[in-house]
Protein backbone atom coordinates (compact mmCIF):
# COMPACT_ATOMS: atom_id res chain seq x y z
CA UNK A 1 0.00 0.00 0.00
CA UNK A 2 2.88 2.37 0.77
CA UNK A 3 4.37 1.65 -2.65
CA UNK A 4 1.06 2.65 -4.26
CA UNK A 5 0.83 5.78 -2.09
CA UNK A 6 4.37 6.83 -3.06
CA UNK A 7 3.53 6.31 -6.71
CA UNK A 8 0.43 8.48 -6.32
CA UNK A 9 2.51 11.30 -4.88
CA UNK A 10 5.09 10.91 -7.66
CA UNK A 11 2.25 11.13 -10.18
CA UNK A 12 1.09 14.46 -8.78
CA UNK A 13 4.67 15.83 -8.87
CA UNK A 14 4.86 14.72 -12.52
CA UNK A 15 1.70 16.73 -13.25
CA UNK A 16 3.37 19.77 -11.74
CA UNK A 17 6.39 19.46 -14.01
CA UNK A 18 8.73 18.21 -11.29
CA UNK A 19 10.06 15.20 -13.16
CA UNK A 20 13.74 14.72 -12.33
CA UNK A 21 14.37 12.02 -9.73
CA UNK A 22 17.64 11.30 -7.93
CA UNK A 23 18.90 8.65 -5.55
CA UNK A 24 21.17 11.21 -3.89
CA UNK A 25 19.40 13.15 -1.10
CA UNK A 26 21.94 15.96 -1.35
CA UNK A 27 20.76 16.67 -4.91
CA UNK A 28 17.02 16.43 -4.24
CA UNK A 29 14.95 19.55 -3.61
CA UNK A 30 11.98 17.54 -2.35
CA UNK A 31 12.47 14.52 -0.10
CA UNK A 32 9.61 12.41 1.24
CA UNK A 33 9.81 9.55 3.74
CA UNK A 34 6.78 7.24 3.47
CA UNK A 35 6.51 5.51 6.83
CA UNK A 36 5.27 2.22 8.23
CA UNK A 37 4.54 1.54 11.91
CA UNK A 38 3.23 -2.04 11.75
CA UNK A 39 6.33 -3.10 13.72
CA UNK A 40 8.68 -1.10 15.91
CA UNK A 41 11.63 -1.87 13.64
CA UNK A 42 9.83 -0.21 10.71
CA UNK A 43 9.01 2.86 12.80
CA UNK A 44 12.61 3.15 13.99
CA UNK A 45 13.86 2.93 10.41
CA UNK A 46 11.53 5.72 9.29
CA UNK A 47 12.51 8.00 12.16
CA UNK A 48 16.19 7.38 11.50
CA UNK A 49 15.78 8.41 7.87
CA UNK A 50 13.84 11.54 8.80
CA UNK A 51 16.51 12.61 11.28
CA UNK A 52 19.17 12.16 8.57
CA UNK A 53 17.21 14.47 6.25
CA UNK A 54 16.67 17.06 8.97
CA UNK A 55 20.44 17.14 9.49
CA UNK A 56 20.90 17.63 5.75
CA UNK A 57 18.36 20.45 5.76
CA UNK A 58 20.31 22.37 8.40
CA UNK A 59 23.07 22.83 5.82
CA UNK A 60 20.57 23.71 3.06
CA UNK A 61 17.31 25.24 4.43
CA UNK A 62 15.78 25.42 0.92
CA UNK A 63 15.22 21.64 0.89
CA UNK A 64 11.64 20.49 1.36
CA UNK A 65 11.03 17.47 3.62
CA UNK A 66 7.76 15.54 3.70
CA UNK A 67 6.62 12.69 5.91
CA UNK A 68 3.80 10.46 4.71
CA UNK A 69 2.03 7.31 5.81
CA UNK A 70 1.09 5.55 9.00
CA UNK A 71 3.44 7.50 11.26
CA UNK A 72 1.36 10.57 10.39
CA UNK A 73 -2.00 8.81 10.59
CA UNK A 74 -5.40 10.24 9.75
CA UNK A 75 -5.55 12.79 12.58
CA UNK A 76 -3.50 15.97 12.96
CA UNK A 77 -0.10 14.70 14.18
CA UNK A 78 0.46 17.45 16.76
CA UNK A 79 3.09 15.56 18.76
CA UNK A 80 4.92 14.48 15.62
CA UNK A 81 5.11 18.09 14.42
CA UNK A 82 6.76 19.06 17.69
CA UNK A 83 9.11 16.08 17.54
CA UNK A 84 10.18 16.74 13.93
CA UNK A 85 10.47 20.52 13.52
CA UNK A 86 12.49 20.23 10.31
CA UNK A 87 9.62 18.58 8.41
CA UNK A 88 7.67 20.93 6.12
CA UNK A 89 4.73 18.72 5.11
CA UNK A 90 2.89 15.90 6.88
CA UNK A 91 0.66 13.69 4.70
CA UNK A 92 -1.85 11.09 5.83
CA UNK A 93 -1.72 7.68 4.13
CA UNK A 94 -2.83 7.85 0.48
CA UNK A 95 -3.20 11.65 0.53
CA UNK A 96 -0.65 13.65 -1.52
CA UNK A 97 -2.74 16.86 -1.41
CA UNK A 98 -0.80 18.56 1.45
CA UNK A 99 2.43 18.36 -0.56
CA UNK A 100 0.70 19.62 -3.72
CA UNK A 101 -0.75 22.57 -1.79
CA UNK A 102 2.58 23.36 -0.15
CA UNK A 103 4.41 23.35 -3.49
CA UNK A 104 1.75 25.50 -5.12
CA UNK A 105 2.41 28.13 -2.47
CA UNK A 106 6.19 27.78 -2.80
CA UNK A 107 6.65 27.45 -6.56
CA UNK A 108 8.61 30.70 -6.86
CA UNK A 109 11.11 29.42 -4.31
CA UNK A 110 11.79 26.18 -6.15
CA UNK A 111 14.72 25.81 -8.47
CA UNK A 112 12.36 24.07 -10.90
CA UNK A 113 11.00 27.41 -12.09
CA UNK A 114 9.74 26.15 -15.44
CA UNK A 115 6.98 24.14 -13.74
CA UNK A 116 3.58 25.61 -14.57
CA UNK A 117 0.20 24.30 -13.58
CA UNK A 118 -3.28 25.42 -12.68
CA UNK A 119 -3.99 24.96 -8.96
CA UNK A 120 -7.65 24.16 -9.42
CA UNK A 121 -6.88 21.53 -12.04
CA UNK A 122 -4.36 19.92 -9.72
CA UNK A 123 -6.92 19.62 -6.95
CA UNK A 124 -9.39 18.09 -9.39
CA UNK A 125 -6.71 15.69 -10.63
CA UNK A 126 -6.45 14.19 -7.16
CA UNK A 127 -10.07 13.09 -7.40
CA UNK A 128 -9.83 11.08 -10.62
CA UNK A 129 -8.23 7.71 -11.14
CA UNK A 130 -5.65 8.54 -13.80
CA UNK A 131 -2.09 8.07 -12.62
CA UNK A 132 1.00 9.38 -14.41
CA UNK A 133 4.02 7.22 -13.73
CA UNK A 134 7.37 8.92 -13.09
CA UNK A 135 9.35 9.23 -16.33
CA UNK A 136 11.83 6.51 -15.39
CA UNK A 137 8.94 4.06 -14.84
CA UNK A 138 6.89 4.77 -17.96
CA UNK A 139 7.07 1.69 -20.22
CA UNK A 140 9.60 0.19 -17.81
CA UNK A 141 7.43 -0.68 -14.81
CA UNK A 142 5.91 -4.14 -15.37
CA UNK A 143 3.94 -4.70 -12.17
CA UNK A 144 2.02 -2.04 -10.21
CA UNK A 145 -0.28 -1.82 -7.19
CA UNK A 146 -3.79 -0.35 -7.28
CA UNK A 147 -5.54 0.38 -3.94
CA UNK A 148 -9.23 -0.51 -4.12
CA UNK A 149 -10.22 -0.12 -0.46
CA UNK A 150 -8.45 2.16 2.01
CA UNK A 151 -8.33 1.75 5.78
CA UNK A 152 -9.69 -1.10 7.86
CA UNK A 153 -12.61 -1.52 10.26
CA UNK A 154 -11.81 -5.02 11.55
CA UNK A 155 -9.39 -4.02 14.34
CA UNK A 156 -7.44 -7.14 15.28
CA UNK A 157 -6.14 -6.67 18.81
CA UNK A 158 -2.49 -6.40 17.67
CA UNK A 159 -3.00 -4.14 14.65
CA UNK A 160 -2.40 -0.40 14.47
CA UNK A 161 -3.66 0.02 10.88
CA UNK A 162 -7.25 1.10 11.77
CA UNK A 163 -5.82 3.84 14.02
CA UNK A 164 -3.44 5.13 11.35
CA UNK A 165 -5.25 4.52 8.05
CA UNK A 166 -8.81 5.11 9.24
CA UNK A 167 -12.02 3.24 8.61
CA UNK A 168 -12.74 1.20 5.53
CA UNK A 169 -13.35 3.26 2.37
CA UNK A 170 -13.89 1.65 -1.03
CA UNK A 171 -12.93 3.47 -4.22
CA UNK A 172 -15.51 3.66 -6.98
CA UNK A 173 -15.33 1.17 -9.84
CA UNK A 174 -14.90 4.04 -12.30
CA UNK A 175 -11.92 5.47 -10.42
CA UNK A 176 -10.26 2.04 -10.19
CA UNK A 177 -10.87 1.37 -13.88
CA UNK A 178 -9.31 4.73 -14.82
CA UNK A 179 -6.33 3.94 -12.60
CA UNK A 180 -5.82 0.48 -14.13
CA UNK A 181 -6.29 1.71 -17.70
CA UNK A 182 -3.79 4.54 -17.23
CA UNK A 183 -1.20 2.07 -15.91
CA UNK A 184 -1.76 -0.33 -18.80
CA UNK A 185 -1.38 2.47 -21.36
CA UNK A 186 2.00 3.30 -19.78
CA UNK A 187 3.30 -0.23 -20.25
CA UNK A 188 2.29 -1.96 -17.01
CA UNK A 189 1.50 -5.65 -17.61
CA UNK A 190 0.31 -6.74 -14.16
CA UNK A 191 -1.75 -5.02 -11.46
CA UNK A 192 -2.34 -6.08 -7.88
CA UNK A 193 -5.57 -4.81 -6.31
CA UNK A 194 -4.90 -3.80 -2.70
CA UNK A 195 -6.79 -3.59 0.55
CA UNK A 196 -5.99 -4.24 4.19
CA UNK A 197 -8.87 -6.71 3.84
CA UNK A 198 -9.32 -6.67 0.10
CA UNK A 199 -12.29 -9.09 0.18
CA UNK A 200 -14.29 -6.40 1.97
CA UNK A 201 -14.21 -4.20 -1.11
CA UNK A 202 -17.66 -2.62 -1.57
CA UNK A 203 -18.99 -3.62 1.87
CA UNK A 204 -19.18 0.07 2.84
CA UNK A 205 -21.28 0.94 -0.23
CA UNK A 206 -25.04 0.17 -0.04
CA UNK A 207 -25.86 -2.39 -2.74
CA UNK A 208 -22.31 -1.89 -4.05
CA UNK A 209 -20.21 -4.32 -6.07
CA UNK A 210 -18.04 -6.88 -4.31
CA UNK A 211 -14.47 -7.87 -5.16
CA UNK A 212 -15.61 -10.63 -7.51
CA UNK A 213 -17.67 -8.09 -9.49
CA UNK A 214 -14.71 -5.70 -9.56
CA UNK A 215 -12.39 -8.43 -10.84
CA UNK A 216 -14.71 -9.04 -13.78
CA UNK A 217 -14.69 -5.35 -14.69
CA UNK A 218 -10.89 -5.09 -14.39
CA UNK A 219 -10.55 -8.27 -16.43
CA UNK A 220 -12.50 -6.53 -19.21
CA UNK A 221 -10.09 -3.60 -19.03
CA UNK A 222 -7.19 -6.06 -19.27
CA UNK A 223 -8.64 -7.54 -22.45
CA UNK A 224 -8.98 -4.05 -23.96
CA UNK A 225 -5.53 -2.74 -23.03
CA UNK A 226 -3.18 -5.73 -23.20
CA UNK A 227 -2.79 -6.06 -19.45
CA UNK A 228 -1.60 -9.62 -18.85
CA UNK A 229 -2.22 -10.40 -15.19
CA UNK A 230 -4.38 -9.40 -12.21
CA UNK A 231 -3.74 -10.24 -8.56
CA UNK A 232 -5.26 -9.10 -5.27
CA UNK A 233 -4.26 -9.02 -1.60
CA UNK A 234 -4.67 -9.32 1.34
CA UNK A 235 -7.62 -11.60 2.04
CA UNK A 236 -9.16 -12.48 5.42
CA UNK A 237 -10.51 -15.97 6.24
CA UNK A 238 -13.89 -14.53 7.24
CA UNK A 239 -14.44 -12.73 3.93
CA UNK A 240 -12.85 -14.96 1.30
CA UNK A 241 -16.08 -16.14 -0.32
CA UNK A 242 -16.80 -19.08 -2.57
CA UNK A 243 -18.05 -16.62 -5.21
CA UNK A 244 -14.66 -14.89 -5.19
CA UNK A 245 -12.77 -18.17 -5.46
CA UNK A 246 -14.93 -19.32 -8.37
CA UNK A 247 -14.29 -15.98 -10.10
CA UNK A 248 -10.53 -16.47 -9.74
CA UNK A 249 -10.86 -19.96 -11.20
CA UNK A 250 -12.96 -18.70 -14.12
CA UNK A 251 -11.08 -15.59 -15.25
CA UNK A 252 -7.85 -16.48 -17.10
CA UNK A 253 -6.04 -13.21 -16.32
CA UNK A 254 -6.70 -13.41 -12.57
CA UNK A 255 -3.76 -15.35 -11.18
CA UNK A 256 -4.16 -18.49 -9.00
CA UNK A 257 -2.49 -16.83 -6.02
CA UNK A 258 -4.27 -16.23 -2.71
CA UNK A 259 -2.82 -14.39 0.28
CA UNK A 260 -4.85 -15.28 3.38
CA UNK A 261 -3.16 -14.87 6.79
CA UNK A 262 -3.72 -17.37 9.60
CA UNK A 263 -1.55 -15.44 12.15
CA UNK A 264 -1.54 -18.32 14.66
CA UNK A 265 -2.31 -22.03 14.90
CA UNK A 266 -4.08 -22.05 18.25
CA UNK A 267 -7.71 -21.15 18.95
CA UNK A 268 -7.06 -19.28 22.21
CA UNK A 269 -4.34 -17.17 20.60
CA UNK A 270 -6.62 -16.43 17.65
CA UNK A 271 -9.36 -15.39 20.08
CA UNK A 272 -6.99 -13.01 21.90
CA UNK A 273 -5.96 -11.64 18.51
CA UNK A 274 -9.66 -11.02 17.68
CA UNK A 275 -9.27 -12.81 14.36
CA UNK A 276 -12.80 -14.23 14.30
CA UNK A 277 -12.16 -17.84 13.18
CA UNK A 278 -10.76 -21.10 14.53
CA UNK A 279 -7.82 -23.19 13.36
CA UNK A 280 -10.15 -25.79 11.89
CA UNK A 281 -12.13 -23.15 10.00
CA UNK A 282 -8.87 -21.92 8.47
CA UNK A 283 -7.88 -25.50 7.63
CA UNK A 284 -11.21 -26.09 5.89
CA UNK A 285 -10.83 -22.82 3.97
CA UNK A 286 -7.45 -23.95 2.62
CA UNK A 287 -9.03 -27.22 1.47
CA UNK A 288 -11.85 -25.26 -0.23
CA UNK A 289 -9.40 -22.94 -2.01
CA UNK A 290 -7.46 -25.90 -3.35
CA UNK A 291 -10.63 -27.70 -4.44
CA UNK A 292 -11.92 -24.69 -6.43
CA UNK A 293 -8.51 -23.51 -7.79
CA UNK A 294 -6.44 -26.71 -8.22
CA UNK A 295 -3.19 -25.00 -9.31
CA UNK A 296 -3.35 -22.31 -6.63
CA UNK A 297 -0.50 -20.97 -4.52
CA UNK A 298 -1.55 -19.96 -1.00
CA UNK A 299 0.46 -17.49 1.08
CA UNK A 300 -0.07 -16.77 4.77
CA UNK A 301 1.10 -14.45 7.56
CA UNK A 302 2.11 -15.64 11.02
CA UNK A 303 2.97 -13.72 14.19
CA UNK A 304 5.10 -15.54 16.77
CA UNK A 305 5.35 -14.60 20.43
CA UNK A 306 1.95 -12.95 20.75
CA UNK A 307 0.89 -12.06 24.30
CA UNK A 308 0.57 -15.19 26.42
CA UNK A 309 1.61 -17.60 23.65
CA UNK A 310 2.87 -20.77 25.34
CA UNK A 311 5.31 -23.28 23.88
CA UNK A 312 2.39 -25.68 23.28
CA UNK A 313 0.43 -22.98 21.45
CA UNK A 314 3.42 -22.14 19.29
CA UNK A 315 3.79 -25.86 18.52
CA UNK A 316 0.22 -25.76 17.24
CA UNK A 317 1.26 -23.07 14.76
CA UNK A 318 4.31 -25.09 13.73
CA UNK A 319 2.23 -28.24 13.24
CA UNK A 320 -0.44 -26.39 11.22
CA UNK A 321 2.17 -24.92 8.89
CA UNK A 322 3.73 -28.38 8.45
CA UNK A 323 0.31 -29.90 7.75
CA UNK A 324 -1.01 -27.37 5.25
CA UNK A 325 2.22 -27.00 3.21
CA UNK A 326 1.49 -23.44 2.08
CA UNK A 327 3.58 -21.82 -0.64
CA UNK A 328 4.85 -18.92 1.42
CA UNK A 329 4.68 -17.69 5.01
CA UNK A 330 5.38 -14.06 5.91
CA UNK A 331 6.72 -14.31 9.47
CA UNK A 332 6.91 -11.62 12.15
CA UNK A 333 7.78 -11.40 15.83
CA UNK A 334 5.06 -9.72 17.87
CA UNK A 335 5.75 -6.06 18.57
CA UNK A 336 3.25 -4.11 20.75
CA UNK A 337 1.93 -1.05 18.96
CA UNK A 338 0.66 2.05 20.84
CA UNK A 339 -3.09 2.21 21.63
CA UNK A 340 -3.89 -1.26 20.25
CA UNK A 341 -5.98 -3.60 22.41
CA UNK A 342 -3.06 -5.95 22.97
CA UNK A 343 -0.77 -3.09 24.05
CA UNK A 344 -3.35 -1.68 26.47
CA UNK A 345 -4.80 -4.86 27.95
CA UNK A 346 -2.27 -7.67 27.50
CA UNK A 347 1.25 -8.33 28.71
CA UNK A 348 4.02 -8.74 26.16
CA UNK A 349 5.37 -11.68 28.15
CA UNK A 350 7.23 -13.78 25.58
CA UNK A 351 10.95 -12.93 25.85
CA UNK A 352 12.64 -11.53 22.75
CA UNK A 353 15.10 -14.43 22.50
CA UNK A 354 12.19 -16.89 22.58
CA UNK A 355 10.35 -14.91 19.87
CA UNK A 356 13.50 -15.11 17.77
CA UNK A 357 13.83 -18.87 18.34
CA UNK A 358 10.22 -19.48 17.30
CA UNK A 359 10.65 -17.25 14.27
CA UNK A 360 13.76 -19.17 13.20
CA UNK A 361 12.00 -22.52 13.69
CA UNK A 362 9.19 -21.50 11.34
CA UNK A 363 11.68 -20.06 8.86
CA UNK A 364 13.51 -23.38 8.68
CA UNK A 365 10.25 -25.31 8.31
CA UNK A 366 8.98 -23.02 5.56
CA UNK A 367 12.28 -23.31 3.70
CA UNK A 368 11.81 -27.09 3.60
CA UNK A 369 8.20 -26.71 2.45
CA UNK A 370 9.18 -24.25 -0.28
CA UNK A 371 11.92 -26.56 -1.53
CA UNK A 372 9.48 -29.48 -1.73
CA UNK A 373 6.78 -27.49 -3.54
CA UNK A 374 9.18 -25.89 -6.01
CA UNK A 375 10.83 -29.22 -6.81
CA UNK A 376 7.54 -30.35 -8.37
CA UNK A 377 8.12 -27.79 -11.14
CA UNK A 378 11.37 -29.43 -12.24
CA UNK A 379 11.13 -30.29 -15.95
CA UNK A 380 7.87 -28.38 -16.40
CA UNK A 381 7.40 -25.45 -18.77
CA UNK A 382 5.83 -22.45 -17.05
CA UNK A 383 4.54 -19.05 -18.18
CA UNK A 384 6.76 -16.28 -16.84
CA UNK A 385 5.97 -12.57 -16.97
CA UNK A 386 9.45 -11.06 -17.28
CA UNK A 387 10.05 -8.01 -15.08
CA UNK A 388 13.72 -7.08 -15.43
CA UNK A 389 17.28 -8.15 -16.12
CA UNK A 390 19.12 -8.80 -12.87
CA UNK A 391 22.87 -9.51 -12.88
CA UNK A 392 22.77 -10.76 -16.45
CA UNK A 393 19.70 -12.99 -16.07
CA UNK A 394 16.08 -12.28 -16.87
CA UNK A 395 13.83 -12.32 -13.80
CA UNK A 396 10.09 -12.95 -13.75
CA UNK A 397 7.22 -14.71 -12.02
CA UNK A 398 4.87 -17.59 -12.71
CA UNK A 399 1.09 -17.30 -12.30
CA UNK A 400 1.62 -18.65 -8.76
CA UNK A 401 4.04 -15.74 -8.10
CA UNK A 402 7.12 -17.96 -8.01
CA UNK A 403 10.41 -16.35 -8.96
CA UNK A 404 12.16 -17.67 -12.10
CA UNK A 405 15.52 -16.70 -13.67
CA UNK A 406 16.70 -17.57 -17.19
CA UNK A 407 19.38 -16.57 -19.68
CA UNK A 408 18.72 -14.93 -23.03
CA UNK A 409 20.35 -12.30 -25.24
CA UNK A 410 16.90 -11.12 -26.32
CA UNK A 411 15.13 -8.29 -24.48
CA UNK A 412 12.28 -10.00 -22.63
CA UNK A 413 11.17 -7.14 -20.38
CA UNK A 414 7.38 -7.05 -20.17
CA UNK A 415 6.94 -10.17 -22.30
CA UNK A 416 5.50 -13.59 -21.51
CA UNK A 417 8.11 -16.35 -21.76
CA UNK A 418 7.62 -20.11 -21.81
CA UNK A 419 10.44 -21.29 -19.55
CA UNK A 420 11.48 -24.88 -18.86
CA UNK A 421 12.52 -25.30 -15.23
CA UNK A 422 15.95 -26.95 -14.91
CA UNK A 423 16.77 -26.20 -11.24
CA UNK A 424 14.68 -25.46 -8.16
CA UNK A 425 15.46 -24.06 -4.74
CA UNK A 426 13.32 -22.87 -1.84
CA UNK A 427 13.21 -19.22 -2.91
CA UNK A 428 13.56 -19.27 -6.71
CA UNK A 429 13.90 -21.45 -9.79
CA UNK A 430 16.23 -21.46 -12.80
CA UNK A 431 14.99 -22.14 -16.30
CA UNK A 432 15.85 -22.19 -19.97
CA UNK A 433 14.00 -21.17 -23.11
CA UNK A 434 12.81 -24.05 -25.29
CA UNK A 435 13.41 -21.72 -28.25
CA UNK A 436 15.47 -18.63 -28.81
CA UNK A 437 12.76 -16.31 -30.19
CA UNK A 438 9.55 -14.88 -28.78
């Protein structure tokens, strides 16, 4: 979601004529840190970067510093303003308007004096779905993210997202279609529809469309524009409907790839997390997904060391992961976040070294599972959407989102390649082209 938000801000700067981008902060006139606070480590990283930029600004006061994202939140960040006096602009998640307004007022002070735009048009532009990619990404970016529902109203006991991104708000179908079409016309070949709980798309709109309906509309746009692939994330076990699964199975450009977090493999832990389902309900959901979409890849999220998690309860998580043999597990050590239910009402009583041990145990297990699953592809020919050349090899992904590398002297960027798998590992696969042309 932060990637999509950053791209939205970059799009608005492009509209204003501010097009040059640099990796060197000392050269940049405008510097924005887009923050995440899901875990303490992410928050610390963001603050460290901001402090570096504030130091840089003391030597050059003309530089403009912006902070965006969950550290800012949806309410006026009064304390953050006091804490970070060198920051010029604070932007809520998904809202580039404060930076646009600030730059409109400061245009005469910018070195980019040739930039001309109409303020009213810029404000209107923020309301439509068209997105202008930065120049270096136009016809180079292969895969892009498209938010379809902002915020979250579920409020798991450990999660800070509802406090920082606000309540659930679905974008209109027309705005999403315009967004997708504009990306496709600029060379994007794959879009991922985003939501904190993406399956709840449209639930806040009376008689509105659901995610399955939206996928059908976006699939029609893909047929019109040459877009190759559509994905969506992240799902929730309570909202991943049979209708949605059948839609994925039916539509050829919607990839067989489902991200549906379990978070823990013990019913009491799940209850304390306020997840709203049991381990067996999750197990049955995985069986249903595989029955409806036979070639599916299923990804999950797991938090280890949640408040009160015993060794036996952790073992339940380990055993569930071993049983279900999912394609990928995003693992995290529990980190209490301010104002969440778990931070206010529960004790963070699992020692850090024990959290680390449990994390490493699941990492090792998932590595074995990945190696076993990927080995089944050995000798098969798979469809790969090629994203880029990395260290002399072409890099792309299968419909199941598995990473594949292959050699070729031909430029494959943005193309679909039939690749024969000749080596597999837990994290990627190596392949070769059955033929030299495409």
